[in-house]
Amino acid sequence: MIDVRMTAAAITAGVLALLLAGYAFVMLRRQARLRQAAADIGGVYQHEGWTQPGAIGGPGFTIRVEALRRTFRTTVIVSAQAPGDYALDAGFFASPLDWSHVKVSDRPPSEAEREALAQWLERGASTHRVHEDRLADAGVSRIFVANETITTTVDGFVTDAARLRRIIDVLSRLAGPR
């Protein structure tokens, strides 16, 4: 009877050790992917503990990966001096600008808010114009503009350096000259 209990305890301990080792391997692999992506885009990996994937910091940008229950969300943040808080859907950047794709606190922008955003966008429009096709190539469907940052969120754990560069480029173009 004691041998059966000892065998069951050993099997249970072995299974738990395998699960823990598997979890540690997955976490280390995610961190390695972020380190590689950081090196590829000229950023620095920022370790945020053993249970979090971490972040990438670079000149004028930050990339954060958040674990949400069973999925991930990658957020790219670029520094900017914007005129206020706006949510811009990709359709806004059609030619001419489609104002039905702009929200301010879940409402359409007022005339003054439209004017402020249009003037801000116009400053870098000749060399920094953002087009719908650039957003589609980067996989960006919505951009959040705040006073000091421009942000977009992408579903999943994004470590593809080319895609991250495209997202940073689009947001930097929108931010305009600094």
N, C-alpha and C. Protein backbone atom coordinates (compact mmCIF):
# COMPACT_ATOMS: atom_id res chain seq x y z
N MET A 1 0.82 -1.19 0.00
CA MET A 1 0.00 0.00 0.00
C MET A 1 0.87 1.26 0.00
N ILE A 2 1.96 1.22 0.78
CA ILE A 2 2.85 2.37 0.84
C ILE A 2 3.55 2.58 -0.49
N ASP A 3 3.92 1.47 -1.17
CA ASP A 3 4.57 1.58 -2.47
C ASP A 3 3.66 2.26 -3.50
N VAL A 4 2.36 1.95 -3.45
CA VAL A 4 1.40 2.56 -4.37
C VAL A 4 1.32 4.06 -4.12
N ARG A 5 1.26 4.45 -2.85
CA ARG A 5 1.20 5.88 -2.51
C ARG A 5 2.48 6.60 -2.92
N MET A 6 3.59 5.97 -2.69
CA MET A 6 4.86 6.59 -3.06
C MET A 6 4.98 6.72 -4.58
N THR A 7 4.50 5.71 -5.28
CA THR A 7 4.53 5.75 -6.74
C THR A 7 3.61 6.86 -7.25
N ALA A 8 2.41 6.97 -6.68
CA ALA A 8 1.47 8.02 -7.08
C ALA A 8 2.04 9.40 -6.78
N ALA A 9 2.67 9.55 -5.64
CA ALA A 9 3.28 10.83 -5.27
C ALA A 9 4.43 11.18 -6.22
N ALA A 10 5.22 10.18 -6.58
CA ALA A 10 6.34 10.41 -7.50
C ALA A 10 5.83 10.80 -8.89
N ILE A 11 4.78 10.13 -9.35
CA ILE A 11 4.19 10.47 -10.66
C ILE A 11 3.63 11.88 -10.63
N THR A 12 2.91 12.22 -9.57
CA THR A 12 2.34 13.56 -9.44
C THR A 12 3.45 14.62 -9.42
N ALA A 13 4.49 14.38 -8.66
CA ALA A 13 5.61 15.32 -8.60
C ALA A 13 6.29 15.44 -9.97
N GLY A 14 6.42 14.34 -10.68
CA GLY A 14 7.02 14.36 -12.02
C GLY A 14 6.19 15.16 -13.01
N VAL A 15 4.88 14.96 -12.97
CA VAL A 15 3.99 15.69 -13.86
C VAL A 15 4.05 17.19 -13.56
N LEU A 16 4.02 17.55 -12.29
CA LEU A 16 4.10 18.96 -11.91
C LEU A 16 5.44 19.57 -12.33
N ALA A 17 6.51 18.81 -12.19
CA ALA A 17 7.83 19.30 -12.62
C ALA A 17 7.86 19.52 -14.13
N LEU A 18 7.26 18.60 -14.89
CA LEU A 18 7.20 18.76 -16.35
C LEU A 18 6.38 19.99 -16.74
N LEU A 19 5.25 20.18 -16.07
CA LEU A 19 4.42 21.35 -16.36
C LEU A 19 5.17 22.64 -16.06
N LEU A 20 5.84 22.69 -14.93
CA LEU A 20 6.61 23.87 -14.56
C LEU A 20 7.76 24.11 -15.54
N ALA A 21 8.43 23.05 -15.93
CA ALA A 21 9.53 23.18 -16.90
C ALA A 21 9.00 23.66 -18.25
N GLY A 22 7.84 23.14 -18.66
CA GLY A 22 7.23 23.58 -19.92
C GLY A 22 6.87 25.06 -19.88
N TYR A 23 6.29 25.49 -18.77
CA TYR A 23 5.93 26.90 -18.61
C TYR A 23 7.18 27.78 -18.66
N ALA A 24 8.22 27.37 -17.96
CA ALA A 24 9.47 28.14 -17.96
C ALA A 24 10.06 28.22 -19.36
N PHE A 25 10.01 27.11 -20.10
CA PHE A 25 10.53 27.11 -21.48
C PHE A 25 9.75 28.08 -22.36
N VAL A 26 8.44 28.05 -22.26
CA VAL A 26 7.59 28.95 -23.07
C VAL A 26 7.90 30.41 -22.73
N MET A 27 8.01 30.73 -21.46
CA MET A 27 8.31 32.11 -21.05
C MET A 27 9.69 32.55 -21.54
N LEU A 28 10.68 31.70 -21.42
CA LEU A 28 12.02 32.04 -21.88
C LEU A 28 12.05 32.20 -23.40
N ARG A 29 11.29 31.40 -24.10
CA ARG A 29 11.22 31.49 -25.57
C ARG A 29 10.57 32.82 -25.98
N ARG A 30 9.50 33.22 -25.32
CA ARG A 30 8.85 34.51 -25.63
C ARG A 30 9.82 35.66 -25.40
N GLN A 31 10.52 35.61 -24.29
CA GLN A 31 11.48 36.68 -23.99
C GLN A 31 12.60 36.71 -25.02
N ALA A 32 13.05 35.54 -25.46
CA ALA A 32 14.09 35.48 -26.49
C ALA A 32 13.59 36.07 -27.81
N ARG A 33 12.34 35.80 -28.16
CA ARG A 33 11.76 36.37 -29.39
C ARG A 33 11.69 37.89 -29.29
N LEU A 34 11.30 38.42 -28.13
CA LEU A 34 11.26 39.87 -27.95
C LEU A 34 12.66 40.48 -28.00
N ARG A 35 13.65 39.81 -27.41
CA ARG A 35 15.04 40.30 -27.46
C ARG A 35 15.52 40.38 -28.90
N GLN A 36 15.21 39.36 -29.69
CA GLN A 36 15.62 39.34 -31.09
C GLN A 36 14.92 40.45 -31.88
N ALA A 37 13.62 40.62 -31.65
CA ALA A 37 12.88 41.68 -32.33
C ALA A 37 13.44 43.04 -31.95
N ALA A 38 13.77 43.23 -30.68
CA ALA A 38 14.35 44.49 -30.22
C ALA A 38 15.66 44.77 -30.95
N ALA A 39 16.51 43.77 -31.05
CA ALA A 39 17.79 43.94 -31.74
C ALA A 39 17.57 44.26 -33.22
N ASP A 40 16.58 43.63 -33.85
CA ASP A 40 16.31 43.83 -35.27
C ASP A 40 15.77 45.22 -35.59
N ILE A 41 15.06 45.85 -34.65
CA ILE A 41 14.48 47.17 -34.93
C ILE A 41 15.22 48.31 -34.24
N GLY A 42 16.36 48.01 -33.65
CA GLY A 42 17.16 49.06 -33.01
C GLY A 42 16.65 49.48 -31.65
N GLY A 43 16.00 48.57 -30.97
CA GLY A 43 15.48 48.87 -29.64
C GLY A 43 16.19 48.04 -28.58
N VAL A 44 15.69 48.13 -27.37
CA VAL A 44 16.26 47.41 -26.24
C VAL A 44 15.13 46.64 -25.55
N TYR A 45 15.38 45.36 -25.28
CA TYR A 45 14.40 44.55 -24.58
C TYR A 45 14.33 45.00 -23.11
N GLN A 46 13.12 45.11 -22.59
CA GLN A 46 12.92 45.50 -21.20
C GLN A 46 12.23 44.34 -20.47
N HIS A 47 12.97 43.70 -19.59
CA HIS A 47 12.45 42.56 -18.82
C HIS A 47 11.45 43.09 -17.79
N GLU A 48 10.28 42.45 -17.71
CA GLU A 48 9.25 42.87 -16.76
C GLU A 48 8.83 41.74 -15.83
N GLY A 49 9.75 40.86 -15.54
CA GLY A 49 9.46 39.77 -14.62
C GLY A 49 9.26 38.46 -15.35
N TRP A 50 9.21 37.39 -14.59
CA TRP A 50 9.10 36.05 -15.19
C TRP A 50 7.72 35.73 -15.71
N THR A 51 6.71 36.41 -15.24
CA THR A 51 5.35 36.08 -15.68
C THR A 51 4.85 36.98 -16.80
N GLN A 52 5.59 38.02 -17.14
CA GLN A 52 5.19 38.94 -18.20
C GLN A 52 6.15 38.81 -19.37
N PRO A 53 5.65 38.96 -20.62
CA PRO A 53 6.53 38.84 -21.78
C PRO A 53 7.61 39.92 -21.84
N GLY A 54 7.29 41.14 -21.43
CA GLY A 54 8.26 42.22 -21.46
C GLY A 54 7.88 43.29 -22.48
N ALA A 55 8.84 44.14 -22.80
CA ALA A 55 8.58 45.26 -23.70
C ALA A 55 9.86 45.56 -24.48
N ILE A 56 9.71 46.42 -25.49
CA ILE A 56 10.83 46.91 -26.27
C ILE A 56 10.79 48.42 -26.23
N GLY A 57 11.91 49.03 -25.91
CA GLY A 57 12.00 50.49 -25.93
C GLY A 57 13.00 50.90 -26.99
N GLY A 58 12.70 51.97 -27.67
CA GLY A 58 13.61 52.46 -28.71
C GLY A 58 13.51 53.96 -28.83
N PRO A 59 14.25 54.53 -29.77
CA PRO A 59 14.21 55.98 -29.94
C PRO A 59 12.82 56.46 -30.38
N GLY A 60 12.08 57.02 -29.44
CA GLY A 60 10.76 57.57 -29.74
C GLY A 60 9.62 56.57 -29.75
N PHE A 61 9.87 55.31 -29.42
CA PHE A 61 8.79 54.32 -29.41
C PHE A 61 8.95 53.33 -28.27
N THR A 62 7.81 52.72 -27.93
CA THR A 62 7.76 51.63 -26.95
C THR A 62 6.80 50.58 -27.48
N ILE A 63 7.17 49.33 -27.33
CA ILE A 63 6.29 48.22 -27.72
C ILE A 63 6.06 47.38 -26.48
N ARG A 64 4.80 47.20 -26.12
CA ARG A 64 4.44 46.40 -24.94
C ARG A 64 3.61 45.21 -25.39
N VAL A 65 3.90 44.07 -24.80
CA VAL A 65 3.11 42.87 -25.04
C VAL A 65 2.42 42.53 -23.73
N GLU A 66 1.11 42.47 -23.78
CA GLU A 66 0.33 42.16 -22.58
C GLU A 66 -0.32 40.80 -22.72
N ALA A 67 -0.28 40.04 -21.66
CA ALA A 67 -0.96 38.74 -21.64
C ALA A 67 -2.37 38.95 -21.10
N LEU A 68 -3.35 38.62 -21.92
CA LEU A 68 -4.75 38.72 -21.52
C LEU A 68 -5.33 37.32 -21.48
N ARG A 69 -5.63 36.84 -20.33
CA ARG A 69 -6.15 35.48 -20.16
C ARG A 69 -5.39 34.50 -21.03
N ARG A 70 -5.95 34.11 -22.17
CA ARG A 70 -5.29 33.11 -23.03
C ARG A 70 -4.77 33.71 -24.33
N THR A 71 -4.80 35.00 -24.47
CA THR A 71 -4.32 35.65 -25.68
C THR A 71 -3.32 36.74 -25.33
N PHE A 72 -2.74 37.32 -26.35
CA PHE A 72 -1.81 38.42 -26.18
C PHE A 72 -2.28 39.62 -26.99
N ARG A 73 -1.80 40.79 -26.57
CA ARG A 73 -2.07 42.03 -27.29
C ARG A 73 -0.76 42.80 -27.33
N THR A 74 -0.38 43.24 -28.53
CA THR A 74 0.83 44.01 -28.71
C THR A 74 0.44 45.47 -28.94
N THR A 75 0.99 46.36 -28.13
CA THR A 75 0.69 47.79 -28.24
C THR A 75 1.97 48.53 -28.62
N VAL A 76 1.86 49.35 -29.67
CA VAL A 76 2.99 50.16 -30.12
C VAL A 76 2.67 51.61 -29.81
N ILE A 77 3.60 52.28 -29.13
CA ILE A 77 3.41 53.66 -28.68
C ILE A 77 4.53 54.51 -29.26
N VAL A 78 4.17 55.64 -29.87
CA VAL A 78 5.15 56.58 -30.44
C VAL A 78 4.92 57.94 -29.80
N SER A 79 5.99 58.62 -29.48
CA SER A 79 5.90 59.97 -28.90
C SER A 79 5.38 60.95 -29.94
N ALA A 80 4.54 61.88 -29.50
CA ALA A 80 4.00 62.91 -30.40
C ALA A 80 3.47 64.07 -29.58
N GLN A 81 3.34 65.20 -30.20
CA GLN A 81 2.70 66.37 -29.59
C GLN A 81 1.40 66.62 -30.36
N ALA A 82 0.35 65.94 -29.96
CA ALA A 82 -0.93 65.98 -30.65
C ALA A 82 -1.86 67.01 -30.02
N PRO A 83 -2.90 67.41 -30.77
CA PRO A 83 -3.81 68.44 -30.28
C PRO A 83 -4.89 67.95 -29.32
N GLY A 84 -4.96 66.66 -29.04
CA GLY A 84 -5.99 66.16 -28.14
C GLY A 84 -6.13 64.66 -28.26
N ASP A 85 -7.24 64.13 -27.74
CA ASP A 85 -7.48 62.69 -27.74
C ASP A 85 -8.47 62.33 -28.85
N TYR A 86 -8.02 61.46 -29.77
CA TYR A 86 -8.84 61.04 -30.90
C TYR A 86 -8.67 59.54 -31.11
N ALA A 87 -9.70 58.88 -31.61
CA ALA A 87 -9.61 57.51 -32.09
C ALA A 87 -9.86 57.58 -33.59
N LEU A 88 -8.86 57.15 -34.36
CA LEU A 88 -8.93 57.24 -35.81
C LEU A 88 -8.97 55.84 -36.41
N ASP A 89 -10.05 55.51 -37.11
CA ASP A 89 -10.10 54.24 -37.83
C ASP A 89 -9.33 54.41 -39.13
N ALA A 90 -8.84 53.32 -39.68
CA ALA A 90 -8.03 53.36 -40.89
C ALA A 90 -8.75 54.08 -42.04
N GLY A 91 -10.06 53.95 -42.10
CA GLY A 91 -10.83 54.59 -43.17
C GLY A 91 -10.74 56.10 -43.16
N PHE A 92 -10.34 56.70 -42.07
CA PHE A 92 -10.18 58.15 -41.98
C PHE A 92 -9.17 58.67 -42.99
N PHE A 93 -8.15 57.87 -43.29
CA PHE A 93 -7.06 58.32 -44.13
C PHE A 93 -7.33 58.17 -45.62
N ALA A 94 -8.59 57.88 -45.99
CA ALA A 94 -8.95 57.85 -47.40
C ALA A 94 -8.77 59.26 -47.96
N SER A 95 -8.68 59.36 -49.26
CA SER A 95 -8.51 60.68 -49.86
C SER A 95 -9.83 61.09 -50.49
N PRO A 96 -10.48 62.15 -50.09
CA PRO A 96 -10.18 63.06 -48.98
C PRO A 96 -10.45 62.38 -47.64
N LEU A 97 -9.97 63.03 -46.57
CA LEU A 97 -10.14 62.48 -45.23
C LEU A 97 -11.62 62.23 -44.93
N ASP A 98 -11.93 61.07 -44.37
CA ASP A 98 -13.31 60.67 -44.06
C ASP A 98 -13.55 60.85 -42.56
N TRP A 99 -14.17 61.95 -42.20
CA TRP A 99 -14.35 62.31 -40.79
C TRP A 99 -15.32 61.41 -40.05
N SER A 100 -16.05 60.57 -40.77
CA SER A 100 -16.96 59.63 -40.08
C SER A 100 -16.17 58.54 -39.34
N HIS A 101 -14.86 58.45 -39.58
CA HIS A 101 -14.00 57.46 -38.92
C HIS A 101 -13.20 58.05 -37.77
N VAL A 102 -13.64 59.21 -37.26
CA VAL A 102 -12.95 59.85 -36.13
C VAL A 102 -13.90 59.93 -34.95
N LYS A 103 -13.40 59.58 -33.78
CA LYS A 103 -14.19 59.69 -32.56
C LYS A 103 -13.38 60.42 -31.50
N VAL A 104 -14.09 61.20 -30.70
CA VAL A 104 -13.51 61.87 -29.53
C VAL A 104 -14.41 61.47 -28.36
N SER A 105 -13.88 60.65 -27.46
CA SER A 105 -14.68 60.15 -26.33
C SER A 105 -15.98 59.51 -26.81
N ASP A 106 -15.89 58.64 -27.81
CA ASP A 106 -17.03 57.92 -28.38
C ASP A 106 -18.12 58.82 -28.97
N ARG A 107 -17.72 59.97 -29.45
CA ARG A 107 -18.66 60.86 -30.14
C ARG A 107 -17.92 61.47 -31.33
N PRO A 108 -18.66 61.95 -32.31
CA PRO A 108 -18.00 62.63 -33.44
C PRO A 108 -17.30 63.91 -32.95
N PRO A 109 -16.22 64.30 -33.61
CA PRO A 109 -15.51 65.51 -33.17
C PRO A 109 -16.29 66.78 -33.49
N SER A 110 -16.13 67.78 -32.64
CA SER A 110 -16.74 69.08 -32.90
C SER A 110 -15.97 69.76 -34.03
N GLU A 111 -16.50 70.86 -34.50
CA GLU A 111 -15.82 71.59 -35.58
C GLU A 111 -14.44 72.07 -35.13
N ALA A 112 -14.32 72.53 -33.89
CA ALA A 112 -13.02 72.99 -33.38
C ALA A 112 -12.04 71.81 -33.27
N GLU A 113 -12.52 70.65 -32.85
CA GLU A 113 -11.65 69.47 -32.75
C GLU A 113 -11.21 69.00 -34.13
N ARG A 114 -12.11 69.08 -35.10
CA ARG A 114 -11.75 68.73 -36.48
C ARG A 114 -10.66 69.66 -37.00
N GLU A 115 -10.85 70.94 -36.77
CA GLU A 115 -9.88 71.95 -37.23
C GLU A 115 -8.51 71.72 -36.59
N ALA A 116 -8.50 71.45 -35.29
CA ALA A 116 -7.22 71.23 -34.60
C ALA A 116 -6.51 69.99 -35.14
N LEU A 117 -7.26 68.91 -35.36
CA LEU A 117 -6.66 67.68 -35.90
C LEU A 117 -6.18 67.91 -37.33
N ALA A 118 -6.98 68.58 -38.14
CA ALA A 118 -6.59 68.84 -39.53
C ALA A 118 -5.32 69.68 -39.60
N GLN A 119 -5.20 70.71 -38.77
CA GLN A 119 -3.99 71.53 -38.76
C GLN A 119 -2.78 70.74 -38.31
N TRP A 120 -2.97 69.89 -37.31
CA TRP A 120 -1.87 69.06 -36.83
C TRP A 120 -1.39 68.08 -37.91
N LEU A 121 -2.35 67.47 -38.61
CA LEU A 121 -2.00 66.53 -39.68
C LEU A 121 -1.34 67.24 -40.86
N GLU A 122 -1.76 68.46 -41.12
CA GLU A 122 -1.26 69.21 -42.28
C GLU A 122 0.21 69.57 -42.15
N ARG A 123 0.71 69.75 -40.92
CA ARG A 123 2.11 70.15 -40.73
C ARG A 123 3.09 69.23 -41.44
N GLY A 124 2.88 67.94 -41.37
CA GLY A 124 3.82 67.02 -42.00
C GLY A 124 3.24 66.30 -43.21
N ALA A 125 2.11 66.78 -43.73
CA ALA A 125 1.41 66.06 -44.79
C ALA A 125 2.22 65.89 -46.06
N SER A 126 3.05 66.84 -46.42
CA SER A 126 3.76 66.73 -47.69
C SER A 126 4.77 65.58 -47.68
N THR A 127 5.42 65.35 -46.57
CA THR A 127 6.43 64.28 -46.51
C THR A 127 6.03 63.14 -45.60
N HIS A 128 5.03 63.33 -44.79
CA HIS A 128 4.67 62.31 -43.81
C HIS A 128 3.23 61.83 -43.95
N ARG A 129 2.66 61.91 -45.13
CA ARG A 129 1.27 61.52 -45.34
C ARG A 129 1.06 60.04 -45.03
N VAL A 130 -0.01 59.73 -44.32
CA VAL A 130 -0.37 58.36 -44.01
C VAL A 130 -1.49 57.95 -44.95
N HIS A 131 -1.34 56.82 -45.60
CA HIS A 131 -2.34 56.32 -46.53
C HIS A 131 -2.92 55.02 -45.99
N GLU A 132 -4.14 54.73 -46.44
CA GLU A 132 -4.82 53.50 -46.00
C GLU A 132 -3.99 52.26 -46.31
N ASP A 133 -3.30 52.24 -47.47
CA ASP A 133 -2.54 51.05 -47.84
C ASP A 133 -1.36 50.81 -46.89
N ARG A 134 -0.75 51.89 -46.39
CA ARG A 134 0.33 51.72 -45.40
C ARG A 134 -0.21 51.11 -44.11
N LEU A 135 -1.40 51.56 -43.72
CA LEU A 135 -2.03 51.01 -42.51
C LEU A 135 -2.37 49.54 -42.71
N ALA A 136 -2.91 49.20 -43.87
CA ALA A 136 -3.25 47.81 -44.15
C ALA A 136 -2.00 46.93 -44.15
N ASP A 137 -0.91 47.42 -44.76
CA ASP A 137 0.35 46.66 -44.79
C ASP A 137 0.88 46.40 -43.39
N ALA A 138 0.68 47.36 -42.50
CA ALA A 138 1.15 47.22 -41.12
C ALA A 138 0.16 46.45 -40.25
N GLY A 139 -1.04 46.21 -40.75
CA GLY A 139 -2.06 45.53 -39.96
C GLY A 139 -2.69 46.42 -38.91
N VAL A 140 -2.73 47.73 -39.19
CA VAL A 140 -3.28 48.70 -38.24
C VAL A 140 -4.69 49.06 -38.68
N SER A 141 -5.65 48.89 -37.78
CA SER A 141 -7.03 49.24 -38.10
C SER A 141 -7.52 50.45 -37.31
N ARG A 142 -6.90 50.74 -36.18
CA ARG A 142 -7.32 51.88 -35.36
C ARG A 142 -6.10 52.48 -34.68
N ILE A 143 -6.08 53.81 -34.66
CA ILE A 143 -4.99 54.56 -34.03
C ILE A 143 -5.60 55.46 -32.97
N PHE A 144 -4.96 55.47 -31.81
CA PHE A 144 -5.40 56.34 -30.72
C PHE A 144 -4.39 57.46 -30.59
N VAL A 145 -4.87 58.68 -30.71
CA VAL A 145 -4.03 59.87 -30.60
C VAL A 145 -4.31 60.50 -29.25
N ALA A 146 -3.27 60.75 -28.49
CA ALA A 146 -3.39 61.44 -27.20
C ALA A 146 -2.44 62.63 -27.23
N ASN A 147 -2.45 63.44 -26.20
CA ASN A 147 -1.64 64.65 -26.18
C ASN A 147 -0.15 64.39 -26.41
N GLU A 148 0.38 63.31 -25.85
CA GLU A 148 1.82 63.06 -25.96
C GLU A 148 2.20 61.75 -26.64
N THR A 149 1.21 60.96 -27.06
CA THR A 149 1.50 59.69 -27.70
C THR A 149 0.51 59.37 -28.81
N ILE A 150 0.96 58.50 -29.69
CA ILE A 150 0.09 57.89 -30.69
C ILE A 150 0.26 56.39 -30.48
N THR A 151 -0.87 55.68 -30.41
CA THR A 151 -0.84 54.27 -30.04
C THR A 151 -1.71 53.45 -30.96
N THR A 152 -1.29 52.22 -31.21
CA THR A 152 -2.17 51.26 -31.86
C THR A 152 -1.98 49.92 -31.17
N THR A 153 -3.00 49.11 -31.23
CA THR A 153 -2.98 47.79 -30.59
C THR A 153 -3.26 46.74 -31.65
N VAL A 154 -2.46 45.67 -31.59
CA VAL A 154 -2.60 44.57 -32.53
C VAL A 154 -2.83 43.29 -31.73
N ASP A 155 -3.77 42.49 -32.16
CA ASP A 155 -4.01 41.21 -31.47
C ASP A 155 -2.84 40.27 -31.72
N GLY A 156 -2.44 39.57 -30.69
CA GLY A 156 -1.40 38.57 -30.81
C GLY A 156 -0.06 39.03 -30.26
N PHE A 157 0.88 38.11 -30.29
CA PHE A 157 2.24 38.32 -29.82
C PHE A 157 3.08 38.63 -31.05
N VAL A 158 3.25 39.91 -31.37
CA VAL A 158 3.92 40.31 -32.61
C VAL A 158 5.40 40.53 -32.34
N THR A 159 6.24 39.71 -32.99
CA THR A 159 7.69 39.88 -32.89
C THR A 159 8.32 39.93 -34.28
N ASP A 160 7.51 39.98 -35.32
CA ASP A 160 8.02 40.09 -36.68
C ASP A 160 8.59 41.50 -36.86
N ALA A 161 9.92 41.58 -37.01
CA ALA A 161 10.59 42.89 -37.06
C ALA A 161 10.10 43.74 -38.21
N ALA A 162 9.84 43.15 -39.37
CA ALA A 162 9.37 43.93 -40.52
C ALA A 162 8.01 44.55 -40.23
N ARG A 163 7.12 43.78 -39.62
CA ARG A 163 5.79 44.33 -39.29
C ARG A 163 5.90 45.40 -38.23
N LEU A 164 6.72 45.17 -37.21
CA LEU A 164 6.89 46.19 -36.17
C LEU A 164 7.47 47.47 -36.76
N ARG A 165 8.42 47.36 -37.68
CA ARG A 165 8.97 48.56 -38.34
C ARG A 165 7.89 49.31 -39.11
N ARG A 166 7.02 48.56 -39.82
CA ARG A 166 5.94 49.21 -40.58
C ARG A 166 5.00 49.96 -39.64
N ILE A 167 4.66 49.34 -38.51
CA ILE A 167 3.76 49.99 -37.55
C ILE A 167 4.42 51.24 -36.98
N ILE A 168 5.67 51.15 -36.58
CA ILE A 168 6.40 52.31 -36.05
C ILE A 168 6.49 53.40 -37.10
N ASP A 169 6.74 53.02 -38.36
CA ASP A 169 6.83 54.00 -39.45
C ASP A 169 5.51 54.74 -39.63
N VAL A 170 4.41 54.00 -39.65
CA VAL A 170 3.09 54.63 -39.83
C VAL A 170 2.81 55.60 -38.68
N LEU A 171 3.04 55.16 -37.46
CA LEU A 171 2.76 56.02 -36.31
C LEU A 171 3.71 57.23 -36.29
N SER A 172 4.96 57.02 -36.66
CA SER A 172 5.92 58.13 -36.70
C SER A 172 5.55 59.15 -37.77
N ARG A 173 5.08 58.67 -38.91
CA ARG A 173 4.62 59.58 -39.96
C ARG A 173 3.47 60.44 -39.46
N LEU A 174 2.56 59.80 -38.77
CA LEU A 174 1.42 60.52 -38.21
C LEU A 174 1.87 61.52 -37.17
N ALA A 175 2.85 61.15 -36.35
CA ALA A 175 3.36 62.05 -35.31
C ALA A 175 4.01 63.28 -35.93
N GLY A 176 4.54 63.12 -37.15
CA GLY A 176 5.15 64.25 -37.85
C GLY A 176 6.51 64.61 -37.26
N PRO A 177 7.05 65.73 -37.71
CA PRO A 177 8.37 66.14 -37.23
C PRO A 177 8.33 66.46 -35.74
N ARG A 178 9.40 66.04 -35.04
CA ARG A 178 9.48 66.30 -33.60
C ARG A 178 10.53 67.33 -33.32
